[in-house]
């Protein structure tokens, strides 16, 4: 009996040792699984972006900006463009979300490079003359002082328009051109509190012309070819007054398109091909006020309908 009890106790002890060893192995395996190295993805689980959000444009139809000459400036640009002066919020968003660089695998380069037969390349001659690009800018403004109205593409190949009493001065590349819109092109339109101007620069023909209401200037040859950089930014700095309805095209406007703008779309619609007031973004630097335009403040809905009917009857009488 004593020997049997000893064998039973020994077997029990062996079973306990085996169970403890199995338990230790299982725990180690579980720990190894939980502490396994994860592959580097470059983004954490809650920070992985898909695509940058699409910028939304603003419809400023019926709105105007009030600016001061002494302080404050505003820049207008399309929603898909970000000016150089202010960093893009979408670039900053990407930089914030990116946490760890994604490891790149380097492939070993072959020790011996394959031999290639060299063929003579054709000689290409390049001209230093830049590619000609035209531009047209239309806007409406109110001011009581001689000032720089706007600057187009302020960071590269800038073009600016300055009011000088009854005439205007266009500056570009250290050159200036005087433009006096005193030739009546269309019948007398209804008197408007806004000064509507359109500046057209035809780089192909090397001419410039300015329109102001029903009047136009003569076409003038440019002393040097103007090449628009394509930067769709219109900046107002040092301008005191109100501005509204900014439109920019990447080609010289014809008389019919200019007339549609001057009549505020009464005889035909208009929309800038590069920048339009109904789909636009802006950045302020200093003081400025965005509010309803004088037209909306002065006329109600019913008055506007009667006004348009009266305007149509007057225009019809003038054309007969």
Protein backbone atom coordinates (compact mmCIF):
# COMPACT_ATOMS: atom_id res chain seq x y z
CA UNK A 1 0.00 0.00 0.00
CA UNK A 2 2.86 2.34 0.83
CA UNK A 3 4.41 1.88 -2.60
CA UNK A 4 1.08 2.50 -4.34
CA UNK A 5 0.58 5.77 -2.44
CA UNK A 6 4.06 6.93 -3.38
CA UNK A 7 3.41 6.19 -7.06
CA UNK A 8 0.08 8.05 -6.95
CA UNK A 9 1.71 11.09 -5.28
CA UNK A 10 4.59 11.04 -7.78
CA UNK A 11 2.18 10.89 -10.70
CA UNK A 12 0.17 13.79 -9.30
CA UNK A 13 3.34 15.85 -8.88
CA UNK A 14 4.36 15.10 -12.47
CA UNK A 15 0.93 16.14 -13.75
CA UNK A 16 1.12 19.43 -11.85
CA UNK A 17 4.59 20.14 -13.25
CA UNK A 18 3.41 19.45 -16.82
CA UNK A 19 0.31 21.66 -16.39
CA UNK A 20 2.40 24.55 -15.03
CA UNK A 21 4.85 24.21 -17.94
CA UNK A 22 2.01 24.25 -20.48
CA UNK A 23 0.46 27.32 -18.83
CA UNK A 24 3.79 29.20 -18.97
CA UNK A 25 4.22 28.36 -22.66
CA UNK A 26 0.69 29.56 -23.47
CA UNK A 27 1.23 32.87 -21.60
CA UNK A 28 4.52 33.50 -23.38
CA UNK A 29 2.91 32.79 -26.72
CA UNK A 30 0.08 35.21 -25.99
CA UNK A 31 2.51 37.92 -24.91
CA UNK A 32 4.55 37.45 -28.04
CA UNK A 33 1.43 37.79 -30.15
CA UNK A 34 0.33 40.97 -28.45
CA UNK A 35 3.77 42.57 -28.62
CA UNK A 36 4.44 41.65 -32.22
CA UNK A 37 5.95 44.49 -34.33
CA UNK A 38 3.39 46.16 -36.59
CA UNK A 39 4.33 47.18 -40.09
CA UNK A 40 4.99 50.92 -40.47
CA UNK A 41 2.19 52.54 -42.41
CA UNK A 42 3.09 56.22 -41.92
CA UNK A 43 -0.38 57.08 -40.54
CA UNK A 44 -2.15 56.19 -37.37
CA UNK A 45 -5.53 54.48 -37.56
CA UNK A 46 -7.55 57.64 -36.89
CA UNK A 47 -5.34 59.98 -38.94
CA UNK A 48 -5.30 58.28 -42.33
CA UNK A 49 -6.63 60.80 -44.86
CA UNK A 50 -8.16 59.92 -48.19
CA UNK A 51 -8.09 63.02 -50.42
CA UNK A 52 -7.86 66.72 -49.51
CA UNK A 53 -11.26 68.41 -49.16
CA UNK A 54 -12.42 70.29 -52.23
CA UNK A 55 -12.28 74.06 -51.63
CA UNK A 56 -15.66 75.76 -51.76
CA UNK A 57 -16.16 79.06 -53.56
CA UNK A 58 -18.26 81.99 -52.41
CA UNK A 59 -21.10 83.58 -54.34
CA UNK A 60 -20.65 87.33 -53.81
CA UNK A 61 -23.42 88.39 -56.18
CA UNK A 62 -25.04 91.51 -54.76
CA UNK A 63 -22.14 92.08 -52.34
CA UNK A 64 -19.51 94.82 -52.20
CA UNK A 65 -16.26 95.43 -50.34
CA UNK A 66 -15.49 98.70 -48.58
CA UNK A 67 -11.74 99.31 -48.32
CA UNK A 68 -9.50 102.02 -46.92
CA UNK A 69 -6.51 103.55 -48.67
CA UNK A 70 -4.44 103.89 -45.50
CA UNK A 71 -4.85 100.39 -44.13
CA UNK A 72 -6.19 97.09 -45.28
CA UNK A 73 -5.92 95.09 -48.49
CA UNK A 74 -7.86 92.26 -50.07
CA UNK A 75 -6.87 89.67 -52.68
CA UNK A 76 -9.34 87.76 -54.84
CA UNK A 77 -8.59 84.42 -56.46
CA UNK A 78 -10.41 81.30 -57.71
CA UNK A 79 -11.32 78.63 -55.14
CA UNK A 80 -8.94 76.12 -56.75
CA UNK A 81 -5.98 78.49 -56.36
CA UNK A 82 -4.04 79.50 -53.27
CA UNK A 83 -1.94 82.69 -53.37
CA UNK A 84 1.74 82.56 -52.52
CA UNK A 85 1.41 85.03 -49.66
CA UNK A 86 -0.72 82.73 -47.52
CA UNK A 87 -0.03 78.99 -47.15
CA UNK A 88 -2.68 76.61 -48.33
CA UNK A 89 -4.78 75.15 -45.48
CA UNK A 90 -4.92 71.84 -47.32
CA UNK A 91 -1.12 71.57 -47.46
CA UNK A 92 -1.00 72.27 -43.71
CA UNK A 93 -3.70 69.64 -43.14
CA UNK A 94 -1.62 67.04 -44.96
CA UNK A 95 1.50 67.95 -42.99
CA UNK A 96 -0.35 67.66 -39.68
CA UNK A 97 -1.84 64.29 -40.50
CA UNK A 98 1.44 62.76 -41.64
CA UNK A 99 3.24 61.38 -38.59
CA UNK A 100 5.88 58.82 -39.56
CA UNK A 101 7.70 58.54 -42.87
CA UNK A 102 6.83 55.44 -44.84
CA UNK A 103 9.94 53.22 -45.13
CA UNK A 104 11.14 52.77 -48.67
CA UNK A 105 12.81 49.60 -49.86
CA UNK A 106 16.01 50.13 -51.79
CA UNK A 107 16.71 47.74 -54.60
CA UNK A 108 20.33 46.74 -55.28
CA UNK A 109 21.69 48.23 -58.48
CA UNK A 110 23.37 45.98 -61.00
CA UNK A 111 27.15 46.05 -60.95
CA UNK A 112 27.46 46.04 -64.73
CA UNK A 113 25.47 48.55 -66.76
CA UNK A 114 24.09 47.51 -70.14
CA UNK A 115 25.65 49.09 -73.17
CA UNK A 116 23.54 51.39 -75.29
CA UNK A 117 24.14 52.68 -78.76
CA UNK A 118 24.33 56.46 -78.83
CA UNK A 119 22.31 58.19 -81.52
CA UNK A 120 22.86 61.82 -82.52
CA UNK A 121 20.14 64.06 -81.08
CA UNK A 122 18.59 66.73 -83.28
CA UNK A 123 19.70 70.26 -82.52
CA UNK A 124 16.82 72.34 -81.12
CA UNK A 125 16.86 76.12 -81.04
CA UNK A 126 14.85 77.98 -78.38
CA UNK A 127 13.84 81.61 -78.50
CA UNK A 128 14.02 83.76 -75.40
CA UNK A 129 10.70 85.43 -76.20
CA UNK A 130 8.03 84.29 -73.70
CA UNK A 131 4.73 82.84 -74.77
CA UNK A 132 2.13 85.56 -75.37
CA UNK A 133 -0.92 85.49 -73.11
CA UNK A 134 -3.79 87.97 -73.16
CA UNK A 135 -6.02 89.06 -70.30
CA UNK A 136 -9.17 91.11 -69.64
CA UNK A 137 -10.26 92.54 -66.28
CA UNK A 138 -13.68 94.06 -65.58
CA UNK A 139 -14.92 95.53 -62.30
CA UNK A 140 -17.16 98.16 -60.75
CA UNK A 141 -15.90 100.63 -58.18
CA UNK A 142 -16.68 103.87 -56.36
CA UNK A 143 -13.94 106.21 -55.14
CA UNK A 144 -13.42 109.93 -54.59
CA UNK A 145 -9.63 110.01 -54.95
CA UNK A 146 -6.90 109.29 -57.45
CA UNK A 147 -5.57 105.90 -56.46
CA UNK A 148 -4.37 102.54 -57.71
CA UNK A 149 -7.52 100.58 -58.40
CA UNK A 150 -6.19 97.03 -58.70
CA UNK A 151 -3.06 94.96 -59.32
CA UNK A 152 -3.24 91.76 -61.35
CA UNK A 153 -0.81 88.91 -60.57
CA UNK A 154 1.01 90.78 -57.77
CA UNK A 155 3.90 88.28 -57.43
CA UNK A 156 4.90 87.85 -61.08
CA UNK A 157 4.58 90.12 -64.13
CA UNK A 158 2.32 92.51 -62.24
CA UNK A 159 -0.14 94.76 -64.05
CA UNK A 160 -1.83 97.66 -62.27
CA UNK A 161 -4.47 100.23 -63.19
CA UNK A 162 -4.48 103.71 -61.62
CA UNK A 163 -7.15 106.39 -61.91
CA UNK A 164 -5.84 109.83 -62.82
CA UNK A 165 -8.82 112.15 -62.91
CA UNK A 166 -10.73 111.42 -66.11
CA UNK A 167 -7.99 109.21 -67.51
CA UNK A 168 -6.26 106.03 -66.38
CA UNK A 169 -2.68 104.76 -66.28
CA UNK A 170 -1.71 101.14 -66.82
CA UNK A 171 1.64 100.07 -65.37
CA UNK A 172 3.54 96.90 -66.26
CA UNK A 173 7.22 95.90 -66.36
CA UNK A 174 8.38 99.47 -65.58
CA UNK A 175 6.29 100.83 -68.46
CA UNK A 176 3.15 102.98 -68.34
CA UNK A 177 0.36 103.62 -70.85
CA UNK A 178 -2.15 106.47 -70.57
CA UNK A 179 -5.74 105.56 -71.45
CA UNK A 180 -8.55 108.14 -71.79
CA UNK A 181 -12.03 106.63 -72.36
CA UNK A 182 -13.76 109.64 -73.98
CA UNK A 183 -15.09 108.13 -77.23
CA UNK A 184 -18.76 107.15 -77.05
CA UNK A 185 -19.24 103.64 -78.40
CA UNK A 186 -22.86 102.88 -77.39
CA UNK A 187 -25.95 105.00 -76.77
CA UNK A 188 -26.25 106.69 -73.42
CA UNK A 189 -26.97 104.02 -70.87
CA UNK A 190 -28.84 104.61 -67.66
CA UNK A 191 -26.82 106.63 -65.18
CA UNK A 192 -25.26 104.36 -62.59
CA UNK A 193 -23.60 105.16 -59.29
CA UNK A 194 -20.90 102.54 -60.08
CA UNK A 195 -17.96 103.23 -62.37
CA UNK A 196 -17.73 100.16 -64.60
CA UNK A 197 -14.42 99.61 -66.38
CA UNK A 198 -12.98 96.86 -68.56
CA UNK A 199 -9.29 96.64 -69.39
CA UNK A 200 -8.36 94.38 -72.31
CA UNK A 201 -4.76 93.50 -73.18
CA UNK A 202 -4.18 91.65 -76.45
CA UNK A 203 -0.65 90.26 -76.26
CA UNK A 204 -0.90 88.76 -79.75
CA UNK A 205 -1.52 92.15 -81.37
CA UNK A 206 0.41 94.03 -78.63
CA UNK A 207 -2.43 96.50 -78.01
CA UNK A 208 -4.43 97.66 -74.97
CA UNK A 209 -7.83 99.33 -74.67
CA UNK A 210 -9.96 100.59 -71.79
CA UNK A 211 -13.76 100.80 -71.59
CA UNK A 212 -15.67 102.94 -69.10
CA UNK A 213 -19.45 102.70 -69.24
CA UNK A 214 -20.55 103.58 -72.81
CA UNK A 215 -17.15 105.14 -73.59
CA UNK A 216 -13.89 103.66 -74.79
CA UNK A 217 -10.33 104.75 -75.28
CA UNK A 218 -8.38 104.37 -78.47
CA UNK A 219 -6.39 101.19 -78.96
CA UNK A 220 -2.78 101.85 -78.05
CA UNK A 221 0.32 99.91 -78.92
CA UNK A 222 2.30 98.72 -75.94
CA UNK A 223 5.92 99.96 -75.70
CA UNK A 224 6.92 96.41 -74.74
CA UNK A 225 5.08 93.13 -75.02
CA UNK A 226 3.09 92.24 -71.94
CA UNK A 227 2.92 88.56 -71.05
CA UNK A 228 0.47 87.60 -68.35
CA UNK A 229 1.89 84.99 -66.00
CA UNK A 230 -1.51 83.36 -65.58
CA UNK A 231 -1.59 84.00 -61.83
CA UNK A 232 -5.34 84.58 -61.26
CA UNK A 233 -5.00 86.98 -58.32
CA UNK A 234 -6.48 90.50 -58.24
CA UNK A 235 -5.23 92.57 -55.31
CA UNK A 236 -6.62 95.84 -53.96
CA UNK A 237 -4.04 97.66 -51.86
CA UNK A 238 -4.04 101.43 -51.33
CA UNK A 239 -7.57 101.68 -52.71
CA UNK A 240 -10.21 103.67 -50.84
CA UNK A 241 -13.85 103.07 -51.71
CA UNK A 242 -16.15 100.25 -52.74
CA UNK A 243 -15.55 97.49 -55.28
CA UNK A 244 -17.79 94.74 -56.66
CA UNK A 245 -18.41 92.36 -59.58
CA UNK A 246 -14.79 91.46 -60.47
CA UNK A 247 -14.39 89.32 -63.59
CA UNK A 248 -11.17 88.10 -65.28
CA UNK A 249 -10.80 86.42 -68.69
CA UNK A 250 -7.70 84.87 -70.23
CA UNK A 251 -8.39 86.44 -73.64
CA UNK A 252 -9.20 89.93 -74.97
CA UNK A 253 -12.91 90.64 -74.81
CA UNK A 254 -14.90 91.63 -77.86
CA UNK A 255 -17.17 94.67 -77.93
CA UNK A 256 -20.28 92.51 -77.51
CA UNK A 257 -18.94 90.89 -74.31
CA UNK A 258 -17.91 94.27 -72.93
CA UNK A 259 -21.39 95.62 -73.66
CA UNK A 260 -22.97 92.70 -71.79
CA UNK A 261 -20.88 93.56 -68.75
CA UNK A 262 -21.58 97.29 -68.94
CA UNK A 263 -25.33 96.64 -69.11
CA UNK A 264 -25.04 94.35 -66.05
CA UNK A 265 -26.24 91.35 -68.01
CA UNK A 266 -29.41 93.04 -69.26
CA UNK A 267 -28.65 92.23 -72.92
CA UNK A 268 -26.61 89.09 -72.34
CA UNK A 269 -24.96 87.10 -69.59
CA UNK A 270 -21.28 87.33 -68.74
CA UNK A 271 -18.90 85.25 -66.65
CA UNK A 272 -15.12 85.44 -66.32
CA UNK A 273 -13.24 82.44 -67.63
CA UNK A 274 -10.53 82.69 -64.95
CA UNK A 275 -12.19 84.58 -62.09
CA UNK A 276 -15.86 85.32 -61.52
CA UNK A 277 -17.70 87.14 -58.74
CA UNK A 278 -20.24 84.32 -58.32
CA UNK A 279 -17.56 81.70 -57.51
CA UNK A 280 -14.60 83.29 -55.78
CA UNK A 281 -12.42 83.32 -52.66
CA UNK A 282 -10.63 86.19 -50.95
CA UNK A 283 -8.08 86.87 -48.21
CA UNK A 284 -8.07 90.01 -46.08
CA UNK A 285 -5.00 91.79 -44.76
CA UNK A 286 -6.09 94.50 -42.34
CA UNK A 287 -9.46 96.21 -42.24
CA UNK A 288 -12.31 95.77 -44.69
CA UNK A 289 -16.08 95.41 -44.81
CA UNK A 290 -18.19 92.98 -46.83
CA UNK A 291 -21.87 93.97 -47.06
CA UNK A 292 -24.86 94.25 -49.36
CA UNK A 293 -24.27 96.44 -52.41
CA UNK A 294 -25.89 99.86 -52.78
CA UNK A 295 -28.25 98.45 -55.40
CA UNK A 296 -29.71 95.93 -52.95
CA UNK A 297 -29.85 98.41 -50.10
CA UNK A 298 -31.62 101.10 -52.14
CA UNK A 299 -34.21 98.99 -53.96
CA UNK A 300 -36.64 96.37 -52.77
CA UNK A 301 -37.82 93.38 -54.74
CA UNK A 302 -40.93 95.00 -56.16
CA UNK A 303 -39.11 98.22 -56.98
CA UNK A 304 -36.42 96.27 -58.81
CA UNK A 305 -39.01 94.63 -61.07
CA UNK A 306 -40.57 97.97 -61.98
CA UNK A 307 -37.11 99.44 -62.49
CA UNK A 308 -36.11 96.69 -64.91
CA UNK A 309 -39.41 97.06 -66.82
CA UNK A 310 -38.86 100.83 -67.10
CA UNK A 311 -35.25 100.27 -68.20
CA UNK A 312 -36.36 97.82 -70.90
CA UNK A 313 -38.90 100.31 -72.27
CA UNK A 314 -36.31 103.10 -72.38
CA UNK A 315 -33.77 100.91 -74.16
CA UNK A 316 -36.40 99.80 -76.66
CA UNK A 317 -37.26 103.43 -77.47
CA UNK A 318 -33.58 104.31 -77.98
CA UNK A 319 -33.03 101.41 -80.38
CA UNK A 320 -36.10 102.25 -82.51
